[in-house]
C-alpha atoms as a PDB file:
ATOM      1  CA  MET A   1     151.032 152.968 121.925  1.00  0.00           C
ATOM      2  CA  ASP A   2     153.448 154.808 124.193  1.00  0.00           C
ATOM      3  CA  PRO A   3     156.733 152.848 124.241  1.00  0.00           C
ATOM      4  CA  ASP A   4     157.048 153.619 127.943  1.00  0.00           C
ATOM      5  CA  GLU A   5     153.976 151.474 128.621  1.00  0.00           C
ATOM      6  CA  ASP A   6     155.384 148.334 126.983  1.00  0.00           C
ATOM      7  CA  GLU A   7     156.409 145.581 129.354  1.00  0.00           C
ATOM      8  CA  ARG A   8     157.980 143.303 126.731  1.00  0.00           C
ATOM      9  CA  PRO A   9     160.104 144.022 123.675  1.00  0.00           C
ATOM     10  CA  SER A  10     158.666 142.897 120.365  1.00  0.00           C
ATOM     11  CA  SER A  11     160.392 140.073 118.534  1.00  0.00           C
ATOM     12  CA  PRO A  12     162.265 141.140 115.385  1.00  0.00           C
ATOM     13  CA  LEU A  13     161.219 137.850 113.762  1.00  0.00           C
ATOM     14  CA  ILE A  14     157.495 138.661 113.949  1.00  0.00           C
ATOM     15  CA  PRO A  15     156.072 141.785 112.289  1.00  0.00           C
ATOM     16  CA  ARG A  16     154.547 144.258 114.721  1.00  0.00           C
ATOM     17  CA  PRO A  17     150.725 144.382 114.402  1.00  0.00           C
ATOM     18  CA  GLU A  18     149.237 147.683 113.361  1.00  0.00           C
ATOM     19  CA  GLY A  19     148.279 149.529 116.541  1.00  0.00           C
ATOM     20  CA  GLY A  20     150.271 146.998 118.567  1.00  0.00           C
ATOM     21  CA  GLU A  21     147.621 144.258 118.584  1.00  0.00           C
ATOM     22  CA  ARG A  22     145.870 141.836 116.193  1.00  0.00           C
ATOM     23  CA  SER A  23     142.366 140.458 116.484  1.00  0.00           C
ATOM     24  CA  MET A  24     141.662 136.741 116.018  1.00  0.00           C
ATOM     25  CA  SER A  25     139.121 134.831 113.927  1.00  0.00           C
ATOM     26  CA  TYR A  26     136.984 131.965 115.217  1.00  0.00           C
ATOM     27  CA  ILE A  27     138.951 129.557 113.025  1.00  0.00           C
ATOM     28  CA  ALA A  28     142.303 130.761 114.338  1.00  0.00           C
ATOM     29  CA  ALA A  29     141.077 130.496 117.935  1.00  0.00           C
ATOM     30  CA  ALA A  30     139.809 126.972 117.260  1.00  0.00           C
ATOM     31  CA  GLY A  31     143.205 126.155 115.782  1.00  0.00           C
ATOM     32  CA  PHE A  32     144.981 127.325 118.932  1.00  0.00           C
ATOM     33  CA  ALA A  33     142.565 125.382 121.136  1.00  0.00           C
ATOM     34  CA  ILE A  34     142.887 122.190 119.075  1.00  0.00           C
ATOM     35  CA  GLY A  35     146.635 122.566 118.744  1.00  0.00           C
ATOM     36  CA  THR A  36     147.059 123.037 122.479  1.00  0.00           C
ATOM     37  CA  THR A  37     144.958 119.928 123.120  1.00  0.00           C
ATOM     38  CA  PHE A  38     147.023 117.859 120.679  1.00  0.00           C
ATOM     39  CA  VAL A  39     150.275 119.027 122.288  1.00  0.00           C
ATOM     40  CA  TYR A  40     148.822 118.061 125.677  1.00  0.00           C
ATOM     41  CA  ILE A  41     147.880 114.595 124.376  1.00  0.00           C
ATOM     42  CA  PHE A  42     151.313 114.218 122.786  1.00  0.00           C
ATOM     43  CA  PHE A  43     153.112 114.898 126.071  1.00  0.00           C
ATOM     44  CA  LEU A  44     150.750 112.556 127.938  1.00  0.00           C
ATOM     45  CA  SER A  45     151.375 109.790 125.397  1.00  0.00           C
ATOM     46  CA  LEU A  46     155.124 110.367 125.483  1.00  0.00           C
ATOM     47  CA  ILE A  47     155.284 110.146 129.275  1.00  0.00           C
ATOM     48  CA  GLY A  48     152.962 107.138 129.260  1.00  0.00           C
ATOM     49  CA  SER A  49     155.156 105.292 126.764  1.00  0.00           C
ATOM     50  CA  ILE A  50     158.225 105.991 128.895  1.00  0.00           C
ATOM     51  CA  ARG A  51     156.569 104.871 132.126  1.00  0.00           C
ATOM     52  CA  GLY A  52     154.705 101.891 130.716  1.00  0.00           C
ATOM     53  CA  GLY A  53     151.965 100.371 132.847  1.00  0.00           C
ATOM     54  CA  ASP A  54     148.267 100.779 132.025  1.00  0.00           C
ATOM     55  CA  GLY A  55     148.899 104.097 130.226  1.00  0.00           C
ATOM     56  CA  ARG A  56     146.568 106.100 132.490  1.00  0.00           C
ATOM     57  CA  ALA A  57     148.084 109.399 133.582  1.00  0.00           C
ATOM     58  CA  ASP A  58     147.831 110.542 137.191  1.00  0.00           C
ATOM     59  CA  LEU A  59     146.523 114.007 138.017  1.00  0.00           C
ATOM     60  CA  VAL A  60     149.951 115.550 138.619  1.00  0.00           C
ATOM     61  CA  THR A  61     151.314 114.327 135.269  1.00  0.00           C
ATOM     62  CA  SER A  62     148.170 115.459 133.487  1.00  0.00           C
ATOM     63  CA  PHE A  63     148.432 118.929 134.997  1.00  0.00           C
ATOM     64  CA  GLY A  64     152.112 119.176 134.121  1.00  0.00           C
ATOM     65  CA  CYS A  65     151.357 118.371 130.477  1.00  0.00           C
ATOM     66  CA  GLN A  66     148.488 120.872 130.485  1.00  0.00           C
ATOM     67  CA  LEU A  67     150.729 123.558 131.949  1.00  0.00           C
ATOM     68  CA  VAL A  68     153.464 123.080 129.349  1.00  0.00           C
ATOM     69  CA  SER A  69     151.085 122.939 126.377  1.00  0.00           C
ATOM     70  CA  THR A  70     149.179 126.024 127.572  1.00  0.00           C
ATOM     71  CA  LEU A  71     152.335 128.045 128.149  1.00  0.00           C
ATOM     72  CA  ILE A  72     153.524 127.219 124.625  1.00  0.00           C
ATOM     73  CA  ALA A  73     150.192 128.361 123.172  1.00  0.00           C
ATOM     74  CA  LEU A  74     150.165 131.495 125.328  1.00  0.00           C
ATOM     75  CA  PHE A  75     153.663 132.435 124.158  1.00  0.00           C
ATOM     76  CA  LEU A  76     152.674 132.011 120.491  1.00  0.00           C
ATOM     77  CA  ILE A  77     149.453 134.002 120.885  1.00  0.00           C
ATOM     78  CA  LEU A  78     151.220 136.866 122.610  1.00  0.00           C
ATOM     79  CA  GLN A  79     153.991 136.974 120.014  1.00  0.00           C
ATOM     80  CA  LEU A  80     151.622 136.814 117.055  1.00  0.00           C
ATOM     81  CA  HIS A  81     148.814 139.025 118.316  1.00  0.00           C
ATOM     82  CA  ALA A  82     150.261 141.460 120.853  1.00  0.00           C
ATOM     83  CA  PRO A  83     154.078 141.453 120.974  1.00  0.00           C
ATOM     84  CA  ASP A  84     154.186 144.930 122.545  1.00  0.00           C
ATOM     85  CA  LYS A  85     151.188 144.624 124.841  1.00  0.00           C
ATOM     86  CA  SER A  86     151.199 144.374 128.629  1.00  0.00           C
ATOM     87  CA  ILE A  87     150.582 140.703 129.447  1.00  0.00           C
ATOM     88  CA  ARG A  88     148.440 141.626 132.442  1.00  0.00           C
ATOM     89  CA  ASP A  89     146.237 143.946 130.423  1.00  0.00           C
ATOM     90  CA  TYR A  90     146.005 141.519 127.504  1.00  0.00           C
ATOM     91  CA  LEU A  91     144.761 138.702 129.733  1.00  0.00           C
ATOM     92  CA  GLY A  92     142.281 140.962 131.530  1.00  0.00           C
ATOM     93  CA  VAL A  93     143.847 140.863 134.995  1.00  0.00           C
ATOM     94  CA  ARG A  94     142.321 144.135 136.152  1.00  0.00           C
ATOM     95  CA  ALA A  95     139.987 145.622 138.748  1.00  0.00           C
ATOM     96  CA  THR A  96     136.230 145.525 138.319  1.00  0.00           C
ATOM     97  CA  HIS A  97     133.099 146.006 140.434  1.00  0.00           C
ATOM     98  CA  ARG A  98     133.360 144.082 143.717  1.00  0.00           C
ATOM     99  CA  GLY A  99     129.839 142.758 143.306  1.00  0.00           C
ATOM    100  CA  PHE A 100     131.013 140.330 140.636  1.00  0.00           C
ATOM    101  CA  PHE A 101     132.981 138.296 143.163  1.00  0.00           C
ATOM    102  CA  PRO A 102     130.084 137.145 145.392  1.00  0.00           C
ATOM    103  CA  LEU A 103     128.057 136.540 142.226  1.00  0.00           C
ATOM    104  CA  ALA A 104     130.936 134.443 140.871  1.00  0.00           C
ATOM    105  CA  ALA A 105     131.069 132.427 144.092  1.00  0.00           C
ATOM    106  CA  MET A 106     127.309 131.807 144.040  1.00  0.00           C
ATOM    107  CA  LEU A 107     127.450 130.847 140.353  1.00  0.00           C
ATOM    108  CA  GLY A 108     130.242 128.371 141.069  1.00  0.00           C
ATOM    109  CA  MET A 109     127.920 126.646 143.521  1.00  0.00           C
ATOM    110  CA  ALA A 110     124.628 126.955 141.638  1.00  0.00           C
ATOM    111  CA  VAL A 111     125.804 125.828 138.194  1.00  0.00           C
ATOM    112  CA  GLN A 112     126.984 122.563 139.756  1.00  0.00           C
ATOM    113  CA  ILE A 113     123.391 121.376 139.824  1.00  0.00           C
ATOM    114  CA  PRO A 114     122.346 121.720 136.151  1.00  0.00           C
ATOM    115  CA  ALA A 115     125.832 120.743 134.927  1.00  0.00           C
ATOM    116  CA  ASN A 116     125.953 117.568 137.018  1.00  0.00           C
ATOM    117  CA  ALA A 117     122.340 116.726 136.195  1.00  0.00           C
ATOM    118  CA  LEU A 118     123.106 116.934 132.472  1.00  0.00           C
ATOM    119  CA  TYR A 119     126.203 114.816 132.921  1.00  0.00           C
ATOM    120  CA  ASP A 120     124.245 112.182 134.886  1.00  0.00           C
ATOM    121  CA  VAL A 121     121.671 111.905 132.080  1.00  0.00           C
ATOM    122  CA  LEU A 122     124.344 111.529 129.402  1.00  0.00           C
ATOM    123  CA  VAL A 123     126.426 109.024 131.361  1.00  0.00           C
ATOM    124  CA  LYS A 124     123.364 106.943 132.170  1.00  0.00           C
ATOM    125  CA  ARG A 125     122.611 106.668 128.449  1.00  0.00           C
ATOM    126  CA  TRP A 126     126.238 106.412 127.296  1.00  0.00           C
ATOM    127  CA  PRO A 127     128.474 105.150 130.148  1.00  0.00           C
ATOM    128  CA  THR A 128     132.071 106.346 130.232  1.00  0.00           C
ATOM    129  CA  GLY A 129     133.679 103.480 132.127  1.00  0.00           C
ATOM    130  CA  GLN A 130     135.116 104.402 135.500  1.00  0.00           C
ATOM    131  CA  PRO A 131     133.347 107.484 136.915  1.00  0.00           C
ATOM    132  CA  ARG A 132     135.418 110.606 137.601  1.00  0.00           C
ATOM    133  CA  GLU A 133     134.646 110.416 141.327  1.00  0.00           C
ATOM    134  CA  GLU A 134     136.002 106.883 141.596  1.00  0.00           C
ATOM    135  CA  MET A 135     139.197 107.856 139.754  1.00  0.00           C
ATOM    136  CA  LEU A 136     139.752 110.770 142.146  1.00  0.00           C
ATOM    137  CA  GLN A 137     139.027 108.521 145.119  1.00  0.00           C
ATOM    138  CA  GLU A 138     141.806 106.170 143.996  1.00  0.00           C
ATOM    139  CA  GLU A 139     144.309 108.999 143.548  1.00  0.00           C
ATOM    140  CA  LEU A 140     143.440 110.568 146.910  1.00  0.00           C
ATOM    141  CA  ALA A 141     144.400 107.372 148.721  1.00  0.00           C
ATOM    142  CA  GLY A 142     147.896 108.807 149.280  1.00  0.00           C
ATOM    143  CA  GLY A 143     146.855 110.749 152.382  1.00  0.00           C
ATOM    144  CA  VAL A 144     146.961 114.383 153.475  1.00  0.00           C
ATOM    145  CA  PRO A 145     150.010 115.572 151.439  1.00  0.00           C
ATOM    146  CA  LYS A 146     148.465 114.266 148.247  1.00  0.00           C
ATOM    147  CA  ARG A 147     145.129 115.851 149.104  1.00  0.00           C
ATOM    148  CA  ILE A 148     146.820 119.227 149.599  1.00  0.00           C
ATOM    149  CA  LEU A 149     148.624 118.852 146.275  1.00  0.00           C
ATOM    150  CA  PHE A 150     145.386 117.957 144.510  1.00  0.00           C
ATOM    151  CA  PHE A 151     143.670 120.959 146.095  1.00  0.00           C
ATOM    152  CA  VAL A 152     146.378 123.250 144.717  1.00  0.00           C
ATOM    153  CA  ILE A 153     146.082 121.704 141.241  1.00  0.00           C
ATOM    154  CA  LEU A 154     142.290 121.419 140.974  1.00  0.00           C
ATOM    155  CA  VAL A 155     141.195 124.541 142.842  1.00  0.00           C
ATOM    156  CA  LEU A 156     144.007 127.034 142.245  1.00  0.00           C
ATOM    157  CA  ALA A 157     146.548 126.238 139.529  1.00  0.00           C
ATOM    158  CA  GLY A 158     144.290 124.323 137.118  1.00  0.00           C
ATOM    159  CA  PRO A 159     141.503 126.935 136.992  1.00  0.00           C
ATOM    160  CA  LEU A 160     144.091 129.716 136.709  1.00  0.00           C
ATOM    161  CA  ILE A 161     145.768 128.112 133.687  1.00  0.00           C
ATOM    162  CA  GLU A 162     142.449 127.405 131.948  1.00  0.00           C
ATOM    163  CA  GLU A 163     141.085 130.893 132.596  1.00  0.00           C
ATOM    164  CA  ILE A 164     144.299 132.519 131.359  1.00  0.00           C
ATOM    165  CA  PHE A 165     144.003 130.574 128.117  1.00  0.00           C
ATOM    166  CA  PHE A 166     140.258 130.537 127.357  1.00  0.00           C
ATOM    167  CA  ARG A 167     138.994 133.734 129.012  1.00  0.00           C
ATOM    168  CA  GLY A 168     142.280 135.582 128.579  1.00  0.00           C
ATOM    169  CA  ALA A 169     144.508 134.745 125.610  1.00  0.00           C
ATOM    170  CA  LEU A 170     141.602 133.684 123.345  1.00  0.00           C
ATOM    171  CA  PHE A 171     138.888 135.974 124.695  1.00  0.00           C
ATOM    172  CA  ARG A 172     140.736 139.257 124.189  1.00  0.00           C
ATOM    173  CA  PRO A 173     141.590 138.940 120.452  1.00  0.00           C
ATOM    174  CA  LEU A 174     138.205 137.403 119.653  1.00  0.00           C
ATOM    175  CA  ARG A 175     136.400 140.244 121.410  1.00  0.00           C
ATOM    176  CA  ARG A 176     138.275 142.793 119.302  1.00  0.00           C
ATOM    177  CA  ARG A 177     136.692 141.270 116.176  1.00  0.00           C
ATOM    178  CA  TYR A 178     133.319 139.878 117.316  1.00  0.00           C
ATOM    179  CA  ASP A 179     130.498 140.862 119.648  1.00  0.00           C
ATOM    180  CA  ALA A 180     130.343 139.733 123.258  1.00  0.00           C
ATOM    181  CA  LEU A 181     127.857 136.879 122.724  1.00  0.00           C
ATOM    182  CA  GLY A 182     129.835 135.399 119.854  1.00  0.00           C
ATOM    183  CA  THR A 183     133.036 135.543 121.887  1.00  0.00           C
ATOM    184  CA  ILE A 184     131.378 133.918 124.915  1.00  0.00           C
ATOM    185  CA  LEU A 185     129.892 131.102 122.828  1.00  0.00           C
ATOM    186  CA  ALA A 186     133.155 130.469 120.976  1.00  0.00           C
ATOM    187  CA  THR A 187     135.359 130.312 124.080  1.00  0.00           C
ATOM    188  CA  SER A 188     132.845 128.152 125.976  1.00  0.00           C
ATOM    189  CA  THR A 189     132.709 125.727 123.015  1.00  0.00           C
ATOM    190  CA  TYR A 190     136.502 125.435 122.812  1.00  0.00           C
ATOM    191  CA  PHE A 191     136.624 125.035 126.583  1.00  0.00           C
ATOM    192  CA  ALA A 192     134.072 122.216 126.520  1.00  0.00           C
ATOM    193  CA  PHE A 193     135.725 120.203 123.739  1.00  0.00           C
ATOM    194  CA  ALA A 194     139.146 120.563 125.384  1.00  0.00           C
ATOM    195  CA  HIS A 195     137.957 118.255 128.181  1.00  0.00           C
ATOM    196  CA  LEU A 196     138.263 115.249 125.830  1.00  0.00           C
ATOM    197  CA  GLU A 197     135.090 113.462 126.922  1.00  0.00           C
ATOM    198  CA  TRP A 198     132.118 114.032 124.672  1.00  0.00           C
ATOM    199  CA  GLN A 199     129.650 113.437 127.507  1.00  0.00           C
ATOM    200  CA  LEU A 200     131.146 116.522 129.161  1.00  0.00           C
ATOM    201  CA  VAL A 201     130.687 118.850 126.183  1.00  0.00           C
ATOM    202  CA  VAL A 202     127.215 120.129 127.097  1.00  0.00           C
ATOM    203  CA  PRO A 203     127.711 120.267 130.912  1.00  0.00           C
ATOM    204  CA  ILE A 204     131.131 121.918 130.642  1.00  0.00           C
ATOM    205  CA  GLY A 205     129.810 124.147 127.866  1.00  0.00           C
ATOM    206  CA  LEU A 206     127.212 125.452 130.330  1.00  0.00           C
ATOM    207  CA  VAL A 207     129.937 126.131 132.887  1.00  0.00           C
ATOM    208  CA  GLY A 208     132.055 127.782 130.195  1.00  0.00           C
ATOM    209  CA  PHE A 209     129.155 130.019 129.157  1.00  0.00           C
ATOM    210  CA  SER A 210     128.764 131.187 132.764  1.00  0.00           C
ATOM    211  CA  LEU A 211     132.505 131.846 133.023  1.00  0.00           C
ATOM    212  CA  GLY A 212     132.458 133.718 129.728  1.00  0.00           C
ATOM    213  CA  LEU A 213     129.520 135.899 130.754  1.00  0.00           C
ATOM    214  CA  LEU A 214     131.331 136.801 133.968  1.00  0.00           C
ATOM    215  CA  ARG A 215     134.464 137.670 131.989  1.00  0.00           C
ATOM    216  CA  SER A 216     132.518 139.727 129.462  1.00  0.00           C
ATOM    217  CA  ALA A 217     130.269 141.604 131.869  1.00  0.00           C
ATOM    218  CA  SER A 218     133.006 142.398 134.384  1.00  0.00           C
ATOM    219  CA  GLY A 219     135.773 143.133 131.891  1.00  0.00           C
ATOM    220  CA  SER A 220     138.113 141.190 134.168  1.00  0.00           C
ATOM    221  CA  LEU A 221     139.539 137.683 134.342  1.00  0.00           C
ATOM    222  CA  LEU A 222     139.420 137.623 138.143  1.00  0.00           C
ATOM    223  CA  PRO A 223     135.700 136.838 138.759  1.00  0.00           C
ATOM    224  CA  SER A 224     135.765 133.920 136.319  1.00  0.00           C
ATOM    225  CA  PHE A 225     138.818 132.518 138.118  1.00  0.00           C
ATOM    226  CA  VAL A 226     136.934 132.728 141.433  1.00  0.00           C
ATOM    227  CA  MET A 227     133.930 130.910 139.965  1.00  0.00           C
ATOM    228  CA  HIS A 228     136.070 128.246 138.274  1.00  0.00           C
ATOM    229  CA  GLY A 229     138.094 127.561 141.402  1.00  0.00           C
ATOM    230  CA  LEU A 230     135.004 127.265 143.588  1.00  0.00           C
ATOM    231  CA  PHE A 231     133.273 125.010 141.043  1.00  0.00           C
ATOM    232  CA  ASN A 232     136.239 122.627 141.112  1.00  0.00           C
ATOM    233  CA  GLY A 233     136.550 122.978 144.870  1.00  0.00           C
ATOM    234  CA  ILE A 234     132.987 121.810 145.469  1.00  0.00           C
ATOM    235  CA  THR A 235     133.568 118.805 143.226  1.00  0.00           C
ATOM    236  CA  LEU A 236     136.739 117.948 145.117  1.00  0.00           C
ATOM    237  CA  ALA A 237     135.031 118.423 148.498  1.00  0.00           C
ATOM    238  CA  SER A 238     132.283 115.994 147.502  1.00  0.00           C
ATOM    239  CA  VAL A 239     134.950 113.412 146.698  1.00  0.00           C
ATOM    240  CA  TYR A 240     136.721 114.050 150.033  1.00  0.00           C
ATOM    241  CA  THR A 241     133.518 113.439 151.985  1.00  0.00           C
ATOM    242  CA  GLN A 242     132.428 110.282 150.159  1.00  0.00           C
ATOM    243  CA  SER A 243     133.613 106.760 150.657  1.00  0.00           C
ATOM    244  CA  PRO A 244     134.542 104.744 147.527  1.00  0.00           C
ATOM    245  CA  ALA A 245     131.302 102.783 147.891  1.00  0.00           C
ATOM    246  CA  GLU A 246     129.231 105.981 148.070  1.00  0.00           C
ATOM    247  CA  ALA A 247     131.022 107.405 145.020  1.00  0.00           C
ATOM    248  CA  ALA A 248     130.286 104.259 143.021  1.00  0.00           C
ATOM    249  CA  ALA A 249     126.618 104.231 144.084  1.00  0.00           C
ATOM    250  CA  SER A 250     125.868 107.933 143.608  1.00  0.00           C
ATOM    251  CA  THR A 251     122.250 108.635 142.694  1.00  0.00           C
ATOM    252  CA  PRO A 252     121.035 111.156 140.081  1.00  0.00           C
ATOM    253  CA  ILE A 253     120.063 114.627 141.233  1.00  0.00           C
ATOM    254  CA  PRO A 254     116.294 114.794 141.938  1.00  0.00           C
ATOM    255  CA  LEU A 255     114.262 116.668 139.331  1.00  0.00           C
ATOM    256  CA  PRO A 256     112.968 119.389 141.733  1.00  0.00           C
ATOM    257  CA  VAL A 257     116.562 120.120 142.806  1.00  0.00           C
ATOM    258  CA  THR A 258     117.655 120.261 139.167  1.00  0.00           C
ATOM    259  CA  ILE A 259     114.870 122.696 138.303  1.00  0.00           C
ATOM    260  CA  GLY A 260     115.582 124.857 141.348  1.00  0.00           C
ATOM    261  CA  GLY A 261     119.330 124.907 140.733  1.00  0.00           C
ATOM    262  CA  SER A 262     118.806 125.755 137.078  1.00  0.00           C
ATOM    263  CA  ALA A 263     116.475 128.623 138.001  1.00  0.00           C
ATOM    264  CA  VAL A 264     118.989 130.018 140.501  1.00  0.00           C
ATOM    265  CA  THR A 265     121.734 129.784 137.881  1.00  0.00           C
ATOM    266  CA  ILE A 266     119.631 131.724 135.369  1.00  0.00           C
ATOM    267  CA  VAL A 267     118.827 134.408 137.947  1.00  0.00           C
ATOM    268  CA  LEU A 268     122.506 134.773 138.861  1.00  0.00           C
ATOM    269  CA  LEU A 269     123.503 135.053 135.201  1.00  0.00           C
ATOM    270  CA  GLY A 270     120.872 137.775 134.820  1.00  0.00           C
ATOM    271  CA  LEU A 271     122.303 139.631 137.822  1.00  0.00           C
ATOM    272  CA  VAL A 272     125.812 139.377 136.342  1.00  0.00           C
ATOM    273  CA  HIS A 273     124.554 140.868 133.080  1.00  0.00           C
ATOM    274  CA  LEU A 274     122.637 143.614 134.912  1.00  0.00           C
ATOM    275  CA  LEU A 275     125.615 144.545 137.092  1.00  0.00           C
ATOM    276  CA  GLY A 276     127.777 144.759 134.005  1.00  0.00           C
ATOM    277  CA  LYS A 277     125.316 147.207 132.448  1.00  0.00           C
ATOM    278  CA  LYS A 278     124.959 149.360 135.581  1.00  0.00           C
ATOM    279  CA  SER A 279     128.549 149.487 136.803  1.00  0.00           C
ATOM    280  CA  GLU A 280     130.776 152.275 135.536  1.00  0.00           C
ATOM    281  CA  VAL A 281     133.861 150.421 136.787  1.00  0.00           C
ATOM    282  CA  ALA A 282     132.883 147.343 134.771  1.00  0.00           C
ATOM    283  CA  ARG A 283     132.216 149.463 131.677  1.00  0.00           C
ATOM    284  CA  GLU A 284     135.680 150.984 131.897  1.00  0.00           C
ATOM    285  CA  ALA A 285     137.204 147.522 132.335  1.00  0.00           C
ATOM    286  CA  ARG A 286     135.324 146.200 129.274  1.00  0.00           C
ATOM    287  CA  GLU A 287     136.496 149.122 127.170  1.00  0.00           C
ATOM    288  CA  LYS A 288     140.089 148.072 127.785  1.00  0.00           C
ATOM    289  CA  ASP A 289     139.384 144.783 125.996  1.00  0.00           C
ATOM    290  CA  VAL A 290     138.532 146.548 122.743  1.00  0.00           C
ATOM    291  CA  ALA A 291     140.713 149.668 123.066  1.00  0.00           C
END
């Protein structure tokens, strides 16, 4: 690597990887994902013990703990696997074909249907206690300022942090060792289990697979961020427009809608894959992940 291209000096305490960058195994990536989750839980528990009360963390506290734990993990990954690499290039913040962005937006809307339908089936069989919508309704009772803050966290900052970690810091070193499908499946699995509710594993795994395919086909982190933000935004909008009574009495998604939404999601995923194959810009972006 040309020293003039480095944006960060390497640490003298950590040996420089050969070629300036190390790949990562599935086990190591799982270790980072699990470790980050445990650090997040630790900070939540620590703050909860200091505050007292019912021990349930509000959204702002939860995001703060997520931010700190993710930044710690990101720092360690960069130091261990790419101490001399451009952070922007390592995370995949680069240009790609513009067609991925409308596809990402449509995927963020379409995948809501099969993901929520799966979650409804699982929760009906194995209830989780207070539904997510009711919890958000309670927290949104603070008025417009709180709603703006929650929008920033759930639609902008939260998706950005998660994409940087799962489709950036973990995706890049995994892709240097494994094929695209293996990397997509691994990162979507870690992403699903990080949500700490086993009923969410399959629905969030489906969302994670879609995000991973976008990241892989486009060679860029940006389309997956767009999809993730819109996915969360639609969920938040549905909470904004429902009364507490409507949120508590929500009905399952009708089967024809589930089938139609699933079919649209599959078609969109196929178009993402096809665009990745046809686009020269996307091919050049993907090559930077394994260069």
